[in-house]
Structures are given as structure tokens and as C-alpha cells.
Amino acid sequence: MLNMKLNFLPALAWLLLVACSQPQPEINTTTTEKFPDKIASAVIYEVNIRQHTPEGTLQAFTSDLPRLKELGVQVLWLMPVQPIGVKERKGSLGSYYSIQDYRKINPEFGNEADFKNLVKQVHDLGMYIILDWVPNHTAWDHPWITNNKDFYAQNEKGEIIYEADWTDIALLDHTNPETRKSMIDEMKYWITEFDIDGFRCDHAGHEIPLYFWEEVRQAIDPVKDVFWLAEWDGARMHLQFHATYAWELLHLTNKVAKGEANANDLANWIDHDLKEYGQQPFRMTMITNHDENSWSGTEFERLGDGVKTFATFIFTAYGQPLLYSGQEVGLNKRLRFFEKDTVDWADPMQLQPFYQKLVNIHTENPALWAGEFGAKPVRINGNQEHVYAFSRTKENNRVIGILNFSPQPQKFVLTDGSVSGKYRDEFTGKEYELSTNNALTLEPWQYLVFVKN
């Protein structure tokens, strides 16, 4: 525990300095509103229990809740907390997504009492907690393998199959009504026993028929109103889910950073996404997560000097933003997926103030809220190849973002005279005047955010 406290010391010292000066958004967990309405302003925080603390336990993570509350995040998504299969395990600790038993707690993380205490503490702080759920497959030593082989997808020889090179998991067959019924019972258990607030559903559209999710909602909705996040990029998922992954946008930002795409591509993607999905769905935006970090590289590897520019973009331009364990302190290593690899909380780049500012900007401005609760971004600078500038207006709240997506200085040319006027940048406090008559020079990767109420 001493090592954990020492690692968190820089973060806690910073929080003591800013806690009094930064207004904190509140979520009322007793509200009569339903999901997703009550978290329209929310930022989601992905929790990697194994790597978040030196101990890698639920109890140790619980001690970090006050810091996350001060950071302003409102929804905590926990990666799977169940026991990990031993048979065909990858590495020494295995994948969180190779579930050995849906109803138990991984003893490496703690026990049921630890999880219940975590949920209570989260709720007492006015936050929500959602659990990563793995409906697509199990570990090879899950009891269903022996007792219910017909729950699984099989080849012509009657052999249970796995996906791609993920040899540590066995694929389930959700065309079998008994598979679906059993899976729904397992999900209900976490609602009734632990009072969680929702599910992030892994591989939600892969080999899983949509009628399974219809049955899930029919069974769980009467028990508790919960939040449904699909790890999938497809408009049809919003028939049953509140939120989906904006995977294509993540991949596009990687291309922009490499010079393989530009600001016009980002603008076109948003326009296309709105046409495909409409404005009601929540689209989760991100520059990193557990998959991207471990398999594709850190945001610093992929985005280079543009990390803060792209972070500002996904927090202000579109969607519901995600933060991953350690992102707020500049985690600059690929966390090993099958081994212990603790996050370094030293924050050498002092990014926590930057991310708290982003969280506050997002949560305090209704124009930036998710789905129909926010405002559509309107581009205000024409088709400039390297600069994306937008305005989002909800009633009396207007947010303007101007971002240079290049390593060279660029000229910003305002083409929408309706937003002309004097503004103050939220990050630097510097004043600017926007006019169709005068171009604004942007430094490499510069980002500006203006707020008017």
C-alpha cells in the first residue's frame, strides 16, 4: 500500500491545489431520469484493475476514487473482474476476456465484499459503475464446456471453435435459446447482487444475433434501469444500446497524425456519422483504450506531438469521450496484456490539469453533451486541409473549437460570420477576435476552445 500512496502523491498534490478553484460537475444518482439521459454530460473512465495500482486489487483501486471524482469523470467502466481461465491461458496471468466463471470475482483482484464496497463507494460519490461483459466466448475451463457443450459454436467434427488467434477462448453459440437464457441469468446476477449501473458489452455484434440483445433488455429492464454500451461500430446496435464505439474515428485520427488524412476527412466523418446514426445515439470517442494501448501503441506513439490536439478534438467536437487508466498522467508505455504492468502515476508532463480542464469543459457545456442532448458541430472555416474549426450551440451556450492538425503553422480563415466576435481561450486565458476579414495564425498542433453563455 505504501508504494501505491507514493505513486499517487504527485496526483494528489496537484488535486489539493486545484480542488478549491475548479467547479466539479455533480451527478444525482437518485434522479428520476433514465439512462442515457442522466449521463449525457458524462465522461467515461475505463478502469484496468490489474494495472491501475501496484497491488492490482479492487480494494487498492477504491482508494483512488476521490481523485477520479475530483478529475470530474462520472462513469467508471471496469474491465472484467471475473476469474481468468487457466487452460490455454496466454502469458502468466491471462486475458481478462477469458472468463472462467461469470459469477465469481477474480481472487487476484479481491472478493465479493471488496466489489460490493467499491460499488457502494462509487455510488456514495455520485458516480456510476458499469461492468465489462463478455457474451461472445468463455475460457476453455468454464463449467459450460463440460456440462453444456451445445452452448458453444462447433465445426463439422463437433469441435468447439475459437476466434482468429485468440486460442485461449471458446466461442459461444447464441442461436441456441439455452445459451441465451443462461447468459441472461448471469448478467442479472450482477444487477441483483452488486447493484451495478450497466454493461460495456464486449464484441457485442460479433457472432451474436440482435435478438439476443432484445431478450437481454426484456429481462433486465424491469429489474433496473442501466446503461448499455456496445463495443461495436454499427447503427443497428442502437436498437438496443445507448452507446457504441466510434472505432472509425479513432483509426482516422491515427491517419491524420501520420499525414495520411487531414482535417477535411475528420469533418466529413462527422457529417457521415450523423447521417448514418442520427443525433440521438451516444457515440463513444477516444484516442486510446486497453486494446489500442496494448496492441497498436500509446497515443504518443500514434499521435506524436498532436496528442493534446486530438484529445481536445474528441472531448469537444463530437460524441461522449473516454479516458483510460493512466491516460490523464501521460501513460507512455504499452501495458502488457497478459502480465502485471503497473501504471506509472508520476505525470512527468503534468497532464492532469489539462485533462481536468477538458473534462470540465465537456461536462459544464450542454452544447458538448452526447447525442441529442448536445448540439451538432457546424464547421466555420470551409475546407481547410489542416484546420478543423467548429461551433456548437445549445440554447445560450456556444462552444467554438479551432484545431491545427499539422506540425506546421497554419492560417485559420473564418467563413461563418455569425460567430464573429471577441473570445477568450479556455486553456491560456488569451483573448482572440474572430472575423471573416482577418486570418488567425495557429502554431503547430495548436488548439483553441472558446465558450460563450
Protein backbone atom coordinates (compact mmCIF):
# COMPACT_ATOMS: atom_id res chain seq x y z
CA MET A 1 0.00 0.00 0.00
CA LEU A 2 2.92 2.36 0.70
CA ASN A 3 4.14 2.12 -2.92
CA MET A 4 0.68 2.94 -4.21
CA LYS A 5 0.47 6.00 -1.98
CA LEU A 6 3.85 7.20 -3.17
CA ASN A 7 2.87 6.71 -6.81
CA PHE A 8 -0.31 8.72 -6.31
CA LEU A 9 1.46 11.52 -4.39
CA PRO A 10 2.05 13.82 -7.42
CA ALA A 11 -1.56 13.42 -8.50
CA LEU A 12 -2.92 14.10 -5.02
CA ALA A 13 -0.69 17.15 -4.55
CA TRP A 14 -1.98 18.62 -7.79
CA LEU A 15 -5.57 17.93 -6.79
CA LEU A 16 -5.14 19.78 -3.49
CA LEU A 17 -4.08 22.85 -5.47
CA VAL A 18 -6.98 22.83 -7.92
CA ALA A 19 -9.86 21.35 -5.94
CA CYS A 20 -10.94 24.67 -4.50
CA SER A 21 -10.70 26.58 -7.77
CA GLN A 22 -12.26 24.09 -10.20
CA PRO A 23 -16.06 23.64 -10.11
CA GLN A 24 -16.99 19.96 -10.12
CA PRO A 25 -19.96 18.56 -12.02
CA GLU A 26 -22.41 16.54 -9.96
CA ILE A 27 -24.49 13.54 -10.93
CA ASN A 28 -27.58 12.83 -8.86
CA THR A 29 -27.85 9.05 -8.65
CA THR A 30 -31.34 9.36 -7.16
CA THR A 31 -32.70 11.25 -10.16
CA THR A 32 -35.90 10.05 -11.79
CA GLU A 33 -34.24 10.43 -15.18
CA LYS A 34 -33.30 7.26 -17.00
CA PHE A 35 -30.25 6.20 -18.94
CA PRO A 36 -28.83 7.55 -21.11
CA ASP A 37 -30.36 10.94 -20.25
CA LYS A 38 -28.80 11.20 -16.81
CA ILE A 39 -25.24 10.76 -18.12
CA ALA A 40 -25.50 12.89 -21.25
CA SER A 41 -22.82 15.19 -19.82
CA ALA A 42 -20.62 12.36 -18.59
CA VAL A 43 -17.06 11.38 -19.36
CA ILE A 44 -16.43 7.61 -19.16
CA TYR A 45 -13.29 6.31 -17.43
CA GLU A 46 -12.01 2.81 -18.28
CA VAL A 47 -10.51 1.06 -15.24
CA ASN A 48 -7.82 -1.57 -15.70
CA ILE A 49 -7.86 -3.09 -12.18
CA ARG A 50 -4.75 -5.23 -12.73
CA GLN A 51 -2.59 -2.31 -13.82
CA HIS A 52 -4.15 0.66 -12.00
CA THR A 53 -2.26 0.14 -8.72
CA PRO A 54 0.83 -1.80 -7.60
CA GLU A 55 -1.50 -4.17 -5.74
CA GLY A 56 -3.79 -4.64 -8.71
CA THR A 57 -6.83 -5.13 -6.46
CA LEU A 58 -10.34 -3.76 -6.11
CA GLN A 59 -9.53 -2.51 -2.61
CA ALA A 60 -6.47 -0.59 -3.78
CA PHE A 61 -8.39 0.95 -6.68
CA THR A 62 -11.15 2.08 -4.29
CA SER A 63 -8.66 4.40 -2.59
CA ASP A 64 -8.28 6.28 -5.89
CA LEU A 65 -11.97 7.14 -6.18
CA PRO A 66 -11.68 10.61 -4.57
CA ARG A 67 -9.05 11.59 -7.15
CA LEU A 68 -11.25 10.40 -10.02
CA LYS A 69 -14.17 12.32 -8.54
CA GLU A 70 -12.03 15.47 -8.48
CA LEU A 71 -10.93 14.76 -12.04
CA GLY A 72 -14.61 15.02 -12.95
CA VAL A 73 -15.29 11.61 -14.53
CA GLN A 74 -18.80 10.36 -13.89
CA VAL A 75 -18.96 6.80 -15.23
CA LEU A 76 -16.43 4.11 -14.31
CA TRP A 77 -16.16 1.16 -16.68
CA LEU A 78 -14.37 -1.78 -15.09
CA MET A 79 -12.64 -4.26 -17.34
CA PRO A 80 -13.78 -7.85 -16.49
CA VAL A 81 -13.34 -8.74 -12.82
CA GLN A 82 -14.18 -12.46 -13.08
CA PRO A 83 -11.67 -15.33 -12.71
CA ILE A 84 -9.46 -15.93 -15.75
CA GLY A 85 -9.20 -19.34 -17.37
CA VAL A 86 -6.09 -21.46 -16.77
CA LYS A 87 -6.43 -23.89 -19.65
CA GLU A 88 -4.82 -22.48 -22.84
CA ARG A 89 -4.01 -19.31 -20.89
CA LYS A 90 -1.88 -16.68 -22.64
CA GLY A 91 1.01 -15.39 -20.54
CA SER A 92 1.26 -15.93 -16.81
CA LEU A 93 -1.89 -14.04 -15.82
CA GLY A 94 -4.06 -14.47 -18.91
CA SER A 95 -6.62 -12.28 -20.63
CA TYR A 96 -9.36 -10.55 -18.68
CA TYR A 97 -11.67 -11.61 -21.51
CA SER A 98 -11.15 -15.36 -20.96
CA ILE A 99 -13.91 -15.83 -18.38
CA GLN A 100 -13.72 -18.96 -16.22
CA ASP A 101 -16.85 -18.25 -14.16
CA TYR A 102 -19.30 -15.41 -14.79
CA ARG A 103 -20.48 -15.18 -11.17
CA LYS A 104 -17.20 -15.05 -9.27
CA ILE A 105 -14.58 -12.41 -8.53
CA ASN A 106 -11.01 -12.98 -9.70
CA PRO A 107 -9.21 -13.82 -6.41
CA GLU A 108 -6.21 -11.83 -7.65
CA PHE A 109 -8.46 -8.75 -7.54
CA GLY A 110 -10.22 -9.48 -4.24
CA ASN A 111 -13.57 -10.91 -3.23
CA GLU A 112 -17.30 -10.16 -3.33
CA ALA A 113 -17.11 -7.91 -0.28
CA ASP A 114 -14.42 -5.82 -1.97
CA PHE A 115 -16.55 -5.43 -5.08
CA LYS A 116 -19.67 -4.53 -3.11
CA ASN A 117 -17.68 -1.94 -1.17
CA LEU A 118 -16.36 -0.48 -4.42
CA VAL A 119 -19.86 -0.16 -5.86
CA LYS A 120 -21.08 1.49 -2.66
CA GLN A 121 -18.21 3.96 -2.59
CA VAL A 122 -18.78 4.84 -6.25
CA HIS A 123 -22.47 5.47 -5.61
CA ASP A 124 -21.74 7.46 -2.43
CA LEU A 125 -19.57 9.77 -4.54
CA GLY A 126 -22.41 10.30 -7.01
CA MET A 127 -20.81 8.30 -9.82
CA TYR A 128 -21.92 5.26 -11.81
CA ILE A 129 -20.15 1.94 -12.36
CA ILE A 130 -20.55 -0.34 -15.37
CA LEU A 131 -19.04 -3.80 -15.80
CA ASP A 132 -17.29 -5.16 -18.86
CA TRP A 133 -19.33 -8.16 -20.02
CA VAL A 134 -18.04 -10.91 -22.31
CA PRO A 135 -21.00 -12.65 -24.01
CA ASN A 136 -19.13 -13.86 -27.08
CA HIS A 137 -16.92 -16.55 -25.53
CA THR A 138 -15.64 -18.21 -22.36
CA ALA A 139 -12.41 -19.78 -21.14
CA TRP A 140 -11.75 -23.42 -22.01
CA ASP A 141 -12.18 -24.42 -18.36
CA HIS A 142 -15.55 -22.74 -17.88
CA PRO A 143 -18.04 -25.35 -16.50
CA TRP A 144 -20.22 -24.97 -19.59
CA ILE A 145 -17.51 -26.63 -21.67
CA THR A 146 -18.10 -29.90 -19.81
CA ASN A 147 -21.73 -29.59 -18.83
CA ASN A 148 -23.23 -27.70 -21.78
CA LYS A 149 -21.14 -28.28 -24.88
CA ASP A 150 -24.14 -27.37 -27.04
CA PHE A 151 -23.79 -23.79 -25.74
CA TYR A 152 -20.72 -23.45 -27.99
CA ALA A 153 -20.08 -22.93 -31.68
CA GLN A 154 -18.68 -26.11 -33.24
CA ASN A 155 -17.14 -27.18 -36.53
CA GLU A 156 -18.29 -30.10 -38.70
CA LYS A 157 -16.32 -32.51 -36.50
CA GLY A 158 -18.18 -31.35 -33.39
CA GLU A 159 -15.14 -29.50 -32.05
CA ILE A 160 -15.63 -26.23 -30.19
CA ILE A 161 -14.03 -23.40 -32.15
CA TYR A 162 -12.23 -20.18 -31.24
CA GLU A 163 -11.83 -16.77 -32.89
CA ALA A 164 -8.79 -15.91 -35.04
CA ASP A 165 -5.61 -16.34 -32.98
CA TRP A 166 -7.40 -16.00 -29.63
CA THR A 167 -6.72 -19.63 -28.73
CA ASP A 168 -7.50 -19.01 -25.05
CA ILE A 169 -11.24 -18.61 -25.63
CA ALA A 170 -14.11 -20.81 -26.83
CA LEU A 171 -16.86 -19.23 -28.95
CA LEU A 172 -20.45 -19.42 -27.76
CA ASP A 173 -23.45 -20.14 -29.97
CA HIS A 174 -26.22 -17.62 -29.27
CA THR A 175 -28.59 -19.20 -31.77
CA ASN A 176 -29.16 -21.76 -29.00
CA PRO A 177 -32.01 -20.46 -26.78
CA GLU A 178 -30.49 -22.16 -23.73
CA THR A 179 -27.20 -20.32 -24.25
CA ARG A 180 -29.04 -17.02 -24.31
CA LYS A 181 -31.13 -17.86 -21.25
CA SER A 182 -28.09 -18.88 -19.22
CA MET A 183 -26.14 -15.79 -20.25
CA ILE A 184 -29.02 -13.51 -19.29
CA ASP A 185 -29.23 -15.16 -15.86
CA GLU A 186 -25.52 -14.47 -15.35
CA MET A 187 -25.94 -10.81 -16.27
CA LYS A 188 -28.95 -10.37 -13.97
CA TYR A 189 -26.88 -11.72 -11.10
CA TRP A 190 -24.58 -8.67 -11.19
CA ILE A 191 -27.56 -6.34 -11.13
CA THR A 192 -29.36 -8.01 -8.24
CA GLU A 193 -26.31 -8.92 -6.14
CA PHE A 194 -24.00 -5.97 -6.72
CA ASP A 195 -26.26 -3.14 -7.94
CA ILE A 196 -24.04 -2.19 -10.90
CA ASP A 197 -25.29 0.51 -13.25
CA GLY A 198 -24.73 -1.02 -16.65
CA PHE A 199 -22.65 -3.08 -19.02
CA ARG A 200 -19.95 -2.44 -21.59
CA CYS A 201 -20.60 -5.42 -23.86
CA ASP A 202 -17.50 -6.90 -25.47
CA HIS A 203 -17.73 -7.86 -29.16
CA ALA A 204 -21.42 -7.03 -28.97
CA GLY A 205 -22.12 -7.61 -32.66
CA HIS A 206 -19.68 -10.44 -33.38
CA GLU A 207 -21.47 -13.77 -33.95
CA ILE A 208 -24.23 -12.50 -31.64
CA PRO A 209 -27.74 -12.09 -33.12
CA LEU A 210 -29.56 -8.87 -32.33
CA TYR A 211 -32.46 -10.84 -30.91
CA PHE A 212 -30.19 -11.88 -28.04
CA TRP A 213 -29.88 -8.24 -27.01
CA GLU A 214 -33.65 -7.82 -27.36
CA GLU A 215 -34.10 -10.69 -24.90
CA VAL A 216 -31.47 -9.23 -22.59
CA ARG A 217 -33.25 -5.89 -22.42
CA GLN A 218 -36.64 -7.55 -21.90
CA ALA A 219 -35.23 -9.45 -18.95
CA ILE A 220 -33.10 -6.77 -17.30
CA ASP A 221 -35.01 -3.54 -17.90
CA PRO A 222 -37.75 -4.48 -15.37
CA VAL A 223 -35.09 -5.24 -12.77
CA LYS A 224 -33.12 -1.99 -13.02
CA ASP A 225 -32.60 0.88 -15.41
CA VAL A 226 -28.98 0.50 -16.59
CA PHE A 227 -26.61 1.92 -19.19
CA TRP A 228 -25.82 -0.15 -22.30
CA LEU A 229 -22.53 0.41 -24.14
CA ALA A 230 -21.69 -1.80 -27.13
CA GLU A 231 -18.13 -2.44 -28.19
CA TRP A 232 -19.25 -2.24 -31.79
CA ASP A 233 -19.47 0.29 -34.57
CA GLY A 234 -22.84 -0.07 -36.28
CA ALA A 235 -26.05 1.94 -36.29
CA ARG A 236 -28.30 -1.12 -35.88
CA MET A 237 -26.86 -1.69 -32.40
CA HIS A 238 -28.72 1.41 -31.22
CA LEU A 239 -31.95 -0.53 -31.45
CA GLN A 240 -30.90 -1.96 -28.06
CA PHE A 241 -27.83 0.00 -26.92
CA HIS A 242 -27.49 3.58 -25.72
CA ALA A 243 -23.89 3.97 -26.87
CA THR A 244 -21.49 2.48 -29.40
CA TYR A 245 -17.79 2.78 -30.21
CA ALA A 246 -16.64 5.36 -32.74
CA TRP A 247 -13.89 2.95 -33.84
CA GLU A 248 -13.55 4.50 -37.30
CA LEU A 249 -12.88 7.93 -35.82
CA LEU A 250 -10.09 6.52 -33.64
CA HIS A 251 -8.47 4.93 -36.68
CA LEU A 252 -8.93 8.13 -38.67
CA THR A 253 -7.16 10.25 -36.06
CA ASN A 254 -4.19 7.88 -36.31
CA LYS A 255 -4.11 8.51 -40.06
CA VAL A 256 -4.37 12.28 -39.65
CA ALA A 257 -1.41 12.23 -37.26
CA LYS A 258 0.64 10.39 -39.90
CA GLY A 259 -0.36 12.80 -42.65
CA GLU A 260 -2.39 10.10 -44.42
CA ALA A 261 -5.66 12.02 -43.83
CA ASN A 262 -6.50 15.59 -42.86
CA ALA A 263 -8.97 17.95 -41.19
CA ASN A 264 -11.42 17.67 -44.09
CA ASP A 265 -11.56 13.91 -43.53
CA LEU A 266 -12.43 14.47 -39.88
CA ALA A 267 -15.21 16.89 -40.82
CA ASN A 268 -16.54 14.50 -43.47
CA TRP A 269 -16.50 11.60 -41.00
CA ILE A 270 -18.65 13.53 -38.51
CA ASP A 271 -21.11 14.52 -41.24
CA HIS A 272 -21.35 10.92 -42.45
CA ASP A 273 -21.73 9.58 -38.92
CA LEU A 274 -24.62 11.93 -38.21
CA LYS A 275 -26.32 10.88 -41.45
CA GLU A 276 -25.84 7.18 -40.62
CA TYR A 277 -26.71 7.25 -36.91
CA GLY A 278 -28.81 10.36 -36.46
CA GLN A 279 -28.30 12.65 -33.50
CA GLN A 280 -29.87 10.60 -30.70
CA PRO A 281 -27.25 7.83 -30.23
CA PHE A 282 -24.29 8.29 -27.93
CA ARG A 283 -21.03 7.69 -29.83
CA MET A 284 -18.05 6.99 -27.58
CA THR A 285 -14.95 8.83 -28.79
CA MET A 286 -11.37 8.17 -27.67
CA ILE A 287 -7.70 8.44 -28.52
CA THR A 288 -6.78 5.31 -26.54
CA ASN A 289 -8.21 2.33 -24.64
CA HIS A 290 -6.92 -1.03 -23.43
CA ASP A 291 -6.89 -2.56 -26.92
CA GLU A 292 -5.32 0.41 -28.66
CA ASN A 293 -2.70 0.89 -25.97
CA SER A 294 -1.53 -2.73 -25.82
CA TRP A 295 -1.78 -3.73 -29.47
CA SER A 296 -1.41 -0.56 -31.56
CA GLY A 297 0.70 1.63 -29.32
CA THR A 298 0.39 4.52 -26.91
CA GLU A 299 -1.24 7.73 -28.03
CA PHE A 300 2.24 9.27 -28.08
CA GLU A 301 3.47 6.61 -30.49
CA ARG A 302 0.46 7.05 -32.75
CA LEU A 303 -0.30 10.78 -32.46
CA GLY A 304 3.11 12.25 -31.66
CA ASP A 305 3.09 15.94 -30.76
CA GLY A 306 -0.61 16.15 -31.58
CA VAL A 307 -1.81 14.20 -28.51
CA LYS A 308 -3.37 17.20 -26.76
CA THR A 309 -4.89 18.44 -30.02
CA PHE A 310 -6.61 15.13 -30.71
CA ALA A 311 -7.70 14.83 -27.07
CA THR A 312 -9.27 18.29 -27.29
CA PHE A 313 -10.99 17.26 -30.51
CA ILE A 314 -12.66 14.14 -29.08
CA PHE A 315 -13.73 15.98 -25.91
CA THR A 316 -15.32 18.92 -27.71
CA ALA A 317 -16.23 18.21 -31.35
CA TYR A 318 -18.38 15.11 -31.16
CA GLY A 319 -19.58 12.21 -29.01
CA GLN A 320 -19.08 11.02 -25.43
CA PRO A 321 -15.38 10.95 -24.52
CA LEU A 322 -13.43 8.14 -22.86
CA LEU A 323 -10.36 8.23 -20.63
CA TYR A 324 -8.27 5.11 -19.99
CA SER A 325 -6.39 4.27 -16.77
CA GLY A 326 -3.26 6.41 -16.76
CA GLN A 327 -4.12 8.48 -19.81
CA GLU A 328 -4.62 11.52 -17.60
CA VAL A 329 -0.98 11.28 -16.41
CA GLY A 330 0.56 10.71 -19.83
CA LEU A 331 0.91 6.92 -19.67
CA ASN A 332 3.63 6.41 -22.24
CA LYS A 333 4.08 2.66 -22.41
CA ARG A 334 2.17 -0.24 -23.87
CA LEU A 335 0.73 -2.05 -20.89
CA ARG A 336 1.37 -5.78 -21.19
CA PHE A 337 -1.95 -7.52 -21.67
CA PHE A 338 -1.23 -10.88 -20.04
CA GLU A 339 1.15 -9.76 -17.28
CA LYS A 340 1.32 -7.31 -14.38
CA ASP A 341 2.46 -3.92 -15.64
CA THR A 342 1.52 -1.13 -13.27
CA VAL A 343 0.63 2.38 -14.47
CA ASP A 344 3.24 5.00 -13.56
CA TRP A 345 1.36 7.89 -11.92
CA ALA A 346 4.30 10.33 -11.77
CA ASP A 347 2.75 12.53 -14.51
CA PRO A 348 6.05 13.89 -15.89
CA MET A 349 4.23 16.04 -18.48
CA GLN A 350 1.76 17.39 -15.91
CA LEU A 351 -1.23 16.38 -17.99
CA GLN A 352 -3.76 16.05 -15.18
CA PRO A 353 -4.60 19.79 -15.15
CA PHE A 354 -5.08 19.60 -18.93
CA TYR A 355 -7.43 16.61 -18.72
CA GLN A 356 -9.38 18.02 -15.79
CA LYS A 357 -9.90 21.18 -17.83
CA LEU A 358 -11.13 19.08 -20.77
CA VAL A 359 -13.50 17.11 -18.53
CA ASN A 360 -14.87 20.33 -17.06
CA ILE A 361 -15.32 21.95 -20.46
CA HIS A 362 -17.23 18.90 -21.68
CA THR A 363 -19.47 18.41 -18.64
CA GLU A 364 -20.26 22.07 -17.99
CA ASN A 365 -21.31 22.99 -21.53
CA PRO A 366 -24.60 21.45 -22.72
CA ALA A 367 -23.63 22.19 -26.33
CA LEU A 368 -20.98 19.44 -25.99
CA TRP A 369 -23.14 16.75 -24.39
CA ALA A 370 -23.68 13.40 -26.06
CA GLY A 371 -26.33 12.57 -28.63
CA GLU A 372 -29.48 14.63 -28.86
CA PHE A 373 -28.62 16.39 -25.60
CA GLY A 374 -25.78 18.28 -27.26
CA ALA A 375 -25.55 20.29 -30.46
CA LYS A 376 -24.36 19.29 -33.90
CA PRO A 377 -20.94 20.68 -34.80
CA VAL A 378 -21.10 23.24 -37.61
CA ARG A 379 -17.85 23.85 -39.46
CA ILE A 380 -16.93 27.52 -39.54
CA ASN A 381 -13.78 27.56 -41.71
CA GLY A 382 -14.65 25.98 -45.04
CA ASN A 383 -12.50 23.20 -46.46
CA GLN A 384 -9.13 23.98 -44.98
CA GLU A 385 -6.92 20.93 -45.28
CA HIS A 386 -5.16 21.15 -41.92
CA VAL A 387 -7.52 23.17 -39.74
CA TYR A 388 -10.84 21.99 -38.35
CA ALA A 389 -12.93 24.69 -36.70
CA PHE A 390 -16.47 24.22 -35.45
CA SER A 391 -19.23 25.88 -33.50
CA ARG A 392 -21.75 24.02 -31.31
CA THR A 393 -24.69 25.96 -29.88
CA LYS A 394 -27.33 24.75 -27.42
CA GLU A 395 -29.74 27.48 -26.37
CA ASN A 396 -27.50 30.19 -24.83
CA ASN A 397 -24.39 28.01 -24.67
CA ARG A 398 -21.92 28.20 -27.55
CA VAL A 399 -18.57 26.41 -27.79
CA ILE A 400 -16.10 27.09 -30.59
CA GLY A 401 -13.10 24.88 -31.28
CA ILE A 402 -10.22 25.70 -33.61
CA LEU A 403 -7.62 22.97 -34.12
CA ASN A 404 -4.47 22.78 -36.22
CA PHE A 405 -3.92 19.14 -37.21
CA SER A 406 -0.43 19.61 -38.59
CA PRO A 407 3.17 20.08 -37.40
CA GLN A 408 3.42 23.37 -39.30
CA PRO A 409 1.90 26.81 -38.60
CA GLN A 410 -1.43 27.29 -40.37
CA LYS A 411 -3.76 30.17 -41.18
CA PHE A 412 -7.29 29.87 -39.84
CA VAL A 413 -9.80 31.64 -42.08
CA LEU A 414 -13.27 32.18 -40.63
CA THR A 415 -16.03 31.69 -43.22
CA ASP A 416 -19.05 31.86 -40.88
CA GLY A 417 -19.59 35.49 -39.97
CA SER A 418 -22.32 34.63 -37.45
CA VAL A 419 -19.68 33.66 -34.86
CA SER A 420 -17.55 36.79 -35.31
CA GLY A 421 -16.54 38.45 -32.07
CA LYS A 422 -14.11 38.51 -29.17
CA TYR A 423 -13.36 35.31 -27.25
CA ARG A 424 -11.06 34.01 -24.52
CA ASP A 425 -9.24 30.69 -24.87
CA GLU A 426 -10.23 28.29 -22.08
CA PHE A 427 -6.70 26.92 -21.73
CA THR A 428 -4.49 30.00 -21.80
CA GLY A 429 -6.87 32.84 -20.98
CA LYS A 430 -5.59 34.70 -24.05
CA GLU A 431 -8.12 36.83 -25.93
CA TYR A 432 -8.78 36.46 -29.65
CA GLU A 433 -11.01 38.21 -32.15
CA LEU A 434 -12.68 36.16 -34.86
CA SER A 435 -13.51 37.95 -38.08
CA THR A 436 -14.04 36.99 -41.70
CA ASN A 437 -11.71 39.85 -42.58
CA ASN A 438 -8.66 38.67 -40.65
CA ALA A 439 -6.87 35.33 -40.70
CA LEU A 440 -5.61 33.85 -37.45
CA THR A 441 -2.15 32.24 -37.35
CA LEU A 442 -2.06 28.92 -35.49
CA GLU A 443 1.10 27.35 -34.13
CA PRO A 444 1.84 23.68 -34.95
CA TRP A 445 -0.82 21.45 -33.32
CA GLN A 446 -2.38 24.47 -31.61
CA TYR A 447 -5.89 24.07 -30.19
CA LEU A 448 -8.25 26.81 -29.05
CA VAL A 449 -11.57 26.43 -27.24
CA PHE A 450 -13.92 29.38 -26.71
CA VAL A 451 -17.06 29.32 -24.55
CA LYS A 452 -19.89 31.84 -24.59
CA ASN A 453 -23.04 31.75 -22.47
